[in-house]
């Protein structure tokens, strides 16, 4: 039976919108044949994710590869909070055949954007000199 192993360089991280954080994912093909794998991300907008080697990976038997995954939430439309990100690696198989899937989880905390403004009222101050 085909098998694979996943490991992350870290399982938690914090980032502010428009900044980025990079983690490493190691994928190891434990099978005795060449396999192709697809990556998918759950629990987060896919537009926030960049994988340095793309979303498809080919591994020889007993071979492993390390992928850099960058999370970069945009400044616009990002909500602060904790995102439970599932990084799913599934074996590419012909349609209709069951595929081996494994998921590694990563907790991404998107920090609030500091936003500070002040408004003085009244905007103009008029003073008179007393006599």
N, C-alpha and C. Protein backbone atom coordinates (compact mmCIF):
# COMPACT_ATOMS: atom_id res chain seq x y z
N UNK A 1 0.85 -1.19 0.00
CA UNK A 1 0.00 0.00 0.00
C UNK A 1 0.88 1.24 0.00
N UNK A 2 0.53 2.19 -0.82
CA UNK A 2 1.27 3.45 -0.90
C UNK A 2 1.16 4.21 0.42
N UNK A 3 2.21 4.90 0.77
CA UNK A 3 2.19 5.71 1.97
C UNK A 3 3.10 6.91 1.80
N UNK A 4 2.82 7.94 2.57
CA UNK A 4 3.66 9.12 2.55
C UNK A 4 3.71 9.72 3.94
N UNK A 5 4.72 10.55 4.16
CA UNK A 5 4.93 11.16 5.47
C UNK A 5 5.05 12.67 5.28
N UNK A 6 4.40 13.43 6.17
CA UNK A 6 4.45 14.89 6.13
C UNK A 6 5.03 15.40 7.44
N UNK A 7 5.84 16.44 7.36
CA UNK A 7 6.29 17.12 8.57
C UNK A 7 6.48 18.60 8.27
N UNK A 8 6.12 19.43 9.25
CA UNK A 8 6.23 20.88 9.13
C UNK A 8 7.38 21.38 9.98
N UNK A 9 8.02 22.46 9.55
CA UNK A 9 9.10 23.07 10.33
C UNK A 9 8.58 23.69 11.61
N UNK A 10 7.32 24.11 11.61
CA UNK A 10 6.65 24.65 12.79
C UNK A 10 5.16 24.47 12.59
N UNK A 11 4.41 24.45 13.68
CA UNK A 11 2.96 24.25 13.55
C UNK A 11 2.17 25.51 13.91
N UNK A 12 2.86 26.60 14.26
CA UNK A 12 2.18 27.86 14.58
C UNK A 12 2.96 29.02 14.01
N UNK A 13 2.26 30.11 13.72
CA UNK A 13 2.92 31.32 13.24
C UNK A 13 1.99 32.52 13.32
N UNK A 14 2.59 33.71 13.36
CA UNK A 14 1.84 34.96 13.42
C UNK A 14 2.29 35.86 12.29
N UNK A 15 1.34 36.59 11.72
CA UNK A 15 1.65 37.51 10.61
C UNK A 15 0.64 38.65 10.61
N UNK A 16 1.11 39.81 10.19
CA UNK A 16 0.21 40.95 9.98
C UNK A 16 -0.18 40.98 8.50
N UNK A 17 -1.37 41.47 8.19
CA UNK A 17 -1.74 41.60 6.79
C UNK A 17 -0.69 42.40 6.01
N UNK A 18 -0.41 41.98 4.82
CA UNK A 18 0.58 42.48 3.86
C UNK A 18 2.00 42.03 4.20
N UNK A 19 2.24 41.47 5.39
CA UNK A 19 3.52 40.85 5.70
C UNK A 19 3.42 39.37 5.33
N UNK A 20 4.52 38.65 5.44
CA UNK A 20 4.48 37.23 5.10
C UNK A 20 5.25 36.42 6.13
N UNK A 21 4.93 35.14 6.16
CA UNK A 21 5.62 34.17 7.01
C UNK A 21 5.86 32.93 6.16
N UNK A 22 7.04 32.34 6.29
CA UNK A 22 7.35 31.14 5.52
C UNK A 22 7.58 29.96 6.45
N UNK A 23 7.02 28.82 6.05
CA UNK A 23 7.27 27.57 6.76
C UNK A 23 7.77 26.55 5.74
N UNK A 24 8.30 25.46 6.23
CA UNK A 24 8.78 24.39 5.35
C UNK A 24 7.92 23.15 5.57
N UNK A 25 7.56 22.49 4.48
CA UNK A 25 6.84 21.22 4.51
C UNK A 25 7.73 20.17 3.86
N UNK A 26 8.00 19.11 4.61
CA UNK A 26 8.75 17.99 4.05
C UNK A 26 7.76 16.88 3.72
N UNK A 27 7.83 16.43 2.45
CA UNK A 27 6.98 15.34 1.97
C UNK A 27 7.90 14.17 1.64
N UNK A 28 7.58 13.00 2.18
CA UNK A 28 8.41 11.82 1.92
C UNK A 28 7.54 10.71 1.34
N UNK A 29 7.96 10.21 0.18
CA UNK A 29 7.29 9.09 -0.48
C UNK A 29 7.83 7.80 0.16
N UNK A 30 6.99 7.10 0.91
CA UNK A 30 7.40 5.86 1.57
C UNK A 30 7.12 4.63 0.70
N UNK A 31 6.62 4.86 -0.48
CA UNK A 31 6.28 3.78 -1.39
C UNK A 31 7.53 3.33 -2.16
N UNK A 32 7.43 2.18 -2.79
CA UNK A 32 8.56 1.65 -3.58
C UNK A 32 8.45 1.99 -5.06
N UNK A 33 7.52 2.90 -5.40
CA UNK A 33 7.36 3.35 -6.79
C UNK A 33 7.30 4.88 -6.83
N UNK A 34 7.49 5.42 -8.02
CA UNK A 34 7.38 6.87 -8.21
C UNK A 34 5.93 7.29 -8.01
N UNK A 35 5.71 8.40 -7.31
CA UNK A 35 4.35 8.91 -7.11
C UNK A 35 4.29 10.40 -7.39
N UNK A 36 3.12 10.83 -7.86
CA UNK A 36 2.84 12.25 -8.05
C UNK A 36 1.85 12.68 -6.99
N UNK A 37 2.03 13.88 -6.48
CA UNK A 37 1.18 14.39 -5.39
C UNK A 37 0.67 15.79 -5.74
N UNK A 38 -0.51 16.10 -5.22
CA UNK A 38 -1.11 17.42 -5.35
C UNK A 38 -1.24 18.03 -3.96
N UNK A 39 -1.02 19.34 -3.86
CA UNK A 39 -1.19 20.06 -2.60
C UNK A 39 -2.46 20.88 -2.64
N UNK A 40 -3.11 20.97 -1.50
CA UNK A 40 -4.32 21.77 -1.37
C UNK A 40 -4.32 22.39 0.02
N UNK A 41 -4.93 23.56 0.15
CA UNK A 41 -4.98 24.27 1.42
C UNK A 41 -6.43 24.47 1.84
N UNK A 42 -6.72 24.12 3.07
CA UNK A 42 -8.06 24.24 3.63
C UNK A 42 -8.04 25.25 4.77
N UNK A 43 -9.14 25.98 4.94
CA UNK A 43 -9.26 26.90 6.07
C UNK A 43 -8.67 28.27 5.83
N UNK A 44 -8.22 28.53 4.61
CA UNK A 44 -7.60 29.82 4.30
C UNK A 44 -7.83 30.11 2.81
N UNK A 45 -7.88 31.37 2.47
CA UNK A 45 -8.04 31.76 1.07
C UNK A 45 -6.78 31.35 0.31
N UNK A 46 -6.94 30.64 -0.78
CA UNK A 46 -5.78 30.15 -1.55
C UNK A 46 -4.93 31.29 -2.12
N UNK A 47 -5.51 32.48 -2.24
CA UNK A 47 -4.75 33.64 -2.71
C UNK A 47 -3.73 34.14 -1.70
N UNK A 48 -3.80 33.64 -0.46
CA UNK A 48 -2.85 34.02 0.58
C UNK A 48 -1.61 33.13 0.57
N UNK A 49 -1.59 32.09 -0.28
CA UNK A 49 -0.56 31.06 -0.19
C UNK A 49 0.28 31.00 -1.47
N UNK A 50 1.60 30.89 -1.29
CA UNK A 50 2.51 30.68 -2.40
C UNK A 50 3.42 29.50 -2.04
N UNK A 51 3.53 28.54 -2.94
CA UNK A 51 4.40 27.37 -2.72
C UNK A 51 5.55 27.47 -3.72
N UNK A 52 6.78 27.45 -3.21
CA UNK A 52 7.94 27.69 -4.08
C UNK A 52 8.11 26.66 -5.19
N UNK A 53 7.60 25.46 -5.02
CA UNK A 53 7.75 24.43 -6.06
C UNK A 53 6.43 24.11 -6.75
N UNK A 54 5.43 24.91 -6.52
CA UNK A 54 4.13 24.69 -7.16
C UNK A 54 3.25 23.73 -6.36
N UNK A 55 2.06 23.48 -6.88
CA UNK A 55 1.07 22.65 -6.19
C UNK A 55 1.11 21.19 -6.60
N UNK A 56 2.05 20.82 -7.45
CA UNK A 56 2.22 19.42 -7.85
C UNK A 56 3.66 19.01 -7.59
N UNK A 57 3.83 17.76 -7.17
CA UNK A 57 5.15 17.28 -6.78
C UNK A 57 5.30 15.83 -7.24
N UNK A 58 6.43 15.51 -7.84
CA UNK A 58 6.75 14.14 -8.23
C UNK A 58 7.92 13.66 -7.39
N UNK A 59 7.76 12.48 -6.78
CA UNK A 59 8.82 11.93 -5.95
C UNK A 59 9.13 10.49 -6.35
N UNK A 60 10.41 10.20 -6.48
CA UNK A 60 10.84 8.83 -6.70
C UNK A 60 10.57 8.01 -5.44
N UNK A 61 10.69 6.69 -5.56
CA UNK A 61 10.49 5.83 -4.41
C UNK A 61 11.48 6.20 -3.30
N UNK A 62 10.97 6.28 -2.08
CA UNK A 62 11.76 6.60 -0.87
C UNK A 62 12.40 7.99 -0.90
N UNK A 63 11.99 8.82 -1.84
CA UNK A 63 12.55 10.17 -1.94
C UNK A 63 11.72 11.14 -1.12
N UNK A 64 12.36 12.22 -0.66
CA UNK A 64 11.63 13.28 0.03
C UNK A 64 11.98 14.62 -0.59
N UNK A 65 11.13 15.60 -0.34
CA UNK A 65 11.36 16.95 -0.85
C UNK A 65 10.87 17.94 0.20
N UNK A 66 11.54 19.09 0.24
CA UNK A 66 11.13 20.15 1.15
C UNK A 66 10.58 21.30 0.33
N UNK A 67 9.40 21.76 0.71
CA UNK A 67 8.74 22.86 0.01
C UNK A 67 8.66 24.06 0.93
N UNK A 68 8.92 25.24 0.37
CA UNK A 68 8.70 26.48 1.11
C UNK A 68 7.29 26.96 0.86
N UNK A 69 6.55 27.21 1.95
CA UNK A 69 5.18 27.70 1.84
C UNK A 69 5.13 29.07 2.48
N UNK A 70 4.69 30.07 1.71
CA UNK A 70 4.60 31.43 2.21
C UNK A 70 3.13 31.80 2.35
N UNK A 71 2.79 32.31 3.54
CA UNK A 71 1.45 32.83 3.81
C UNK A 71 1.56 34.34 3.84
N UNK A 72 0.73 35.02 3.03
CA UNK A 72 0.74 36.48 2.99
C UNK A 72 -0.69 36.99 2.85
N UNK A 73 -1.35 37.24 3.99
CA UNK A 73 -2.71 37.79 3.89
C UNK A 73 -2.65 39.23 3.37
N UNK A 74 -3.58 39.60 2.50
CA UNK A 74 -3.56 40.95 1.94
C UNK A 74 -3.98 41.99 2.98
N UNK A 75 -3.57 43.22 2.76
CA UNK A 75 -3.95 44.29 3.68
C UNK A 75 -5.46 44.52 3.63
N UNK A 76 -6.02 44.44 2.43
CA UNK A 76 -7.47 44.60 2.27
C UNK A 76 -8.15 43.25 2.50
N UNK A 77 -9.28 43.24 3.15
CA UNK A 77 -10.13 42.06 3.32
C UNK A 77 -9.51 40.93 4.13
N UNK A 78 -8.56 41.22 5.00
CA UNK A 78 -8.04 40.19 5.91
C UNK A 78 -8.63 40.44 7.29
N UNK A 79 -9.10 39.38 7.89
CA UNK A 79 -9.66 39.50 9.23
C UNK A 79 -8.66 38.95 10.23
N UNK A 80 -8.46 39.70 11.29
CA UNK A 80 -7.58 39.23 12.35
C UNK A 80 -8.21 38.02 13.01
N UNK A 81 -7.39 37.09 13.45
CA UNK A 81 -7.89 35.91 14.14
C UNK A 81 -7.03 34.70 13.85
N UNK A 82 -7.45 33.57 14.42
CA UNK A 82 -6.71 32.32 14.26
C UNK A 82 -7.33 31.51 13.13
N UNK A 83 -6.49 31.08 12.21
CA UNK A 83 -6.90 30.26 11.08
C UNK A 83 -6.26 28.89 11.23
N UNK A 84 -7.08 27.85 11.27
CA UNK A 84 -6.59 26.47 11.30
C UNK A 84 -6.40 26.04 9.86
N UNK A 85 -5.17 26.01 9.41
CA UNK A 85 -4.86 25.71 8.02
C UNK A 85 -4.55 24.22 7.87
N UNK A 86 -5.25 23.58 6.97
CA UNK A 86 -4.97 22.20 6.63
C UNK A 86 -4.18 22.15 5.33
N UNK A 87 -3.01 21.55 5.38
CA UNK A 87 -2.19 21.40 4.18
C UNK A 87 -2.31 19.94 3.76
N UNK A 88 -3.10 19.69 2.73
CA UNK A 88 -3.39 18.33 2.29
C UNK A 88 -2.52 17.96 1.11
N UNK A 89 -1.88 16.81 1.22
CA UNK A 89 -1.09 16.24 0.13
C UNK A 89 -1.80 14.96 -0.28
N UNK A 90 -2.21 14.89 -1.55
CA UNK A 90 -2.92 13.72 -2.03
C UNK A 90 -2.21 13.14 -3.24
N UNK A 91 -2.25 11.83 -3.31
CA UNK A 91 -1.62 11.12 -4.43
C UNK A 91 -2.45 11.36 -5.68
N UNK A 92 -1.79 11.72 -6.76
CA UNK A 92 -2.48 11.91 -8.04
C UNK A 92 -2.77 10.53 -8.63
N UNK A 93 -4.06 10.24 -8.82
CA UNK A 93 -4.47 8.94 -9.35
C UNK A 93 -5.44 9.15 -10.50
N UNK A 94 -5.59 8.16 -11.36
CA UNK A 94 -6.61 8.27 -12.42
C UNK A 94 -8.00 8.46 -11.82
N UNK A 95 -8.86 9.14 -12.55
CA UNK A 95 -10.22 9.40 -12.08
C UNK A 95 -10.91 8.12 -11.65
N UNK A 96 -11.61 8.19 -10.55
CA UNK A 96 -12.37 7.05 -10.07
C UNK A 96 -11.61 6.13 -9.13
N UNK A 97 -10.31 6.29 -9.03
CA UNK A 97 -9.53 5.45 -8.13
C UNK A 97 -9.30 6.21 -6.81
N UNK A 98 -9.33 5.49 -5.69
CA UNK A 98 -9.10 6.17 -4.41
C UNK A 98 -7.67 6.70 -4.34
N UNK A 99 -7.53 7.85 -3.70
CA UNK A 99 -6.21 8.48 -3.59
C UNK A 99 -5.79 8.53 -2.12
N UNK A 100 -4.53 8.31 -1.89
CA UNK A 100 -3.96 8.44 -0.56
C UNK A 100 -3.90 9.93 -0.24
N UNK A 101 -4.37 10.32 0.96
CA UNK A 101 -4.35 11.72 1.39
C UNK A 101 -3.82 11.79 2.81
N UNK A 102 -2.98 12.78 3.05
CA UNK A 102 -2.53 13.08 4.41
C UNK A 102 -2.62 14.59 4.58
N UNK A 103 -2.89 15.02 5.81
CA UNK A 103 -3.02 16.44 6.09
C UNK A 103 -2.16 16.83 7.28
N UNK A 104 -1.40 17.90 7.11
CA UNK A 104 -0.65 18.51 8.20
C UNK A 104 -1.39 19.78 8.59
N UNK A 105 -1.42 20.12 9.86
CA UNK A 105 -2.15 21.30 10.29
C UNK A 105 -1.19 22.38 10.80
N UNK A 106 -1.56 23.61 10.49
CA UNK A 106 -0.77 24.78 10.86
C UNK A 106 -1.72 25.84 11.38
N UNK A 107 -1.43 26.39 12.56
CA UNK A 107 -2.24 27.47 13.15
C UNK A 107 -1.63 28.81 12.77
N UNK A 108 -2.33 29.56 11.92
CA UNK A 108 -1.87 30.87 11.47
C UNK A 108 -2.69 31.94 12.18
N UNK A 109 -2.01 32.76 12.95
CA UNK A 109 -2.69 33.87 13.61
C UNK A 109 -2.43 35.14 12.81
N UNK A 110 -3.51 35.71 12.28
CA UNK A 110 -3.42 36.98 11.57
C UNK A 110 -3.66 38.08 12.60
N UNK A 111 -2.65 38.90 12.80
CA UNK A 111 -2.70 39.96 13.80
C UNK A 111 -3.48 41.16 13.27
N UNK A 112 -4.07 41.94 14.17
CA UNK A 112 -4.79 43.13 13.70
C UNK A 112 -3.82 44.17 13.15
N UNK A 113 -4.32 44.96 12.24
CA UNK A 113 -3.53 46.05 11.68
C UNK A 113 -3.67 47.23 12.63
N UNK A 114 -2.54 47.74 13.12
CA UNK A 114 -2.66 48.91 13.99
C UNK A 114 -3.17 50.09 13.19
N UNK A 115 -4.24 50.67 13.66
CA UNK A 115 -4.85 51.80 12.97
C UNK A 115 -5.14 52.85 14.01
N UNK A 116 -4.46 53.96 13.91
CA UNK A 116 -4.61 55.01 14.89
C UNK A 116 -4.86 56.32 14.18
N UNK A 117 -5.90 56.99 14.57
CA UNK A 117 -6.16 58.32 14.04
C UNK A 117 -6.74 59.18 15.16
N UNK A 118 -6.57 60.45 15.03
CA UNK A 118 -7.07 61.38 16.04
C UNK A 118 -7.69 62.56 15.32
N UNK A 119 -8.76 63.05 15.89
CA UNK A 119 -9.40 64.22 15.33
C UNK A 119 -9.62 65.20 16.48
N UNK A 120 -9.18 66.42 16.28
CA UNK A 120 -9.31 67.45 17.30
C UNK A 120 -10.57 68.26 17.03
N UNK A 121 -11.32 68.52 18.08
CA UNK A 121 -12.51 69.35 17.95
C UNK A 121 -12.44 70.44 19.01
N UNK A 122 -12.62 71.66 18.78
CA UNK A 122 -12.82 72.25 17.46
C UNK A 122 -11.51 72.27 16.68
N UNK A 123 -11.65 72.36 15.40
CA UNK A 123 -10.47 72.33 14.54
C UNK A 123 -9.70 73.66 14.60
N UNK A 124 -10.40 74.73 14.86
CA UNK A 124 -9.76 76.04 14.95
C UNK A 124 -10.09 76.62 16.31
N UNK A 125 -9.13 77.30 16.85
CA UNK A 125 -9.31 77.94 18.15
C UNK A 125 -9.07 79.43 17.95
N UNK A 126 -10.02 80.22 18.34
CA UNK A 126 -9.92 81.68 18.22
C UNK A 126 -9.75 82.23 19.62
N UNK A 127 -8.79 83.08 19.77
CA UNK A 127 -8.54 83.70 21.08
C UNK A 127 -8.52 85.21 20.92
N UNK A 128 -8.92 85.89 21.95
CA UNK A 128 -8.88 87.35 21.96
C UNK A 128 -7.99 87.79 23.10
N UNK A 129 -7.32 88.89 22.85
CA UNK A 129 -6.48 89.45 23.89
C UNK A 129 -7.32 90.34 24.78
N UNK A 130 -7.16 90.12 26.00
CA UNK A 130 -7.89 90.97 26.95
C UNK A 130 -7.14 92.25 27.23
N UNK A 131 -7.86 93.29 27.61
CA UNK A 131 -7.23 94.57 27.73
C UNK A 131 -7.05 95.09 29.05
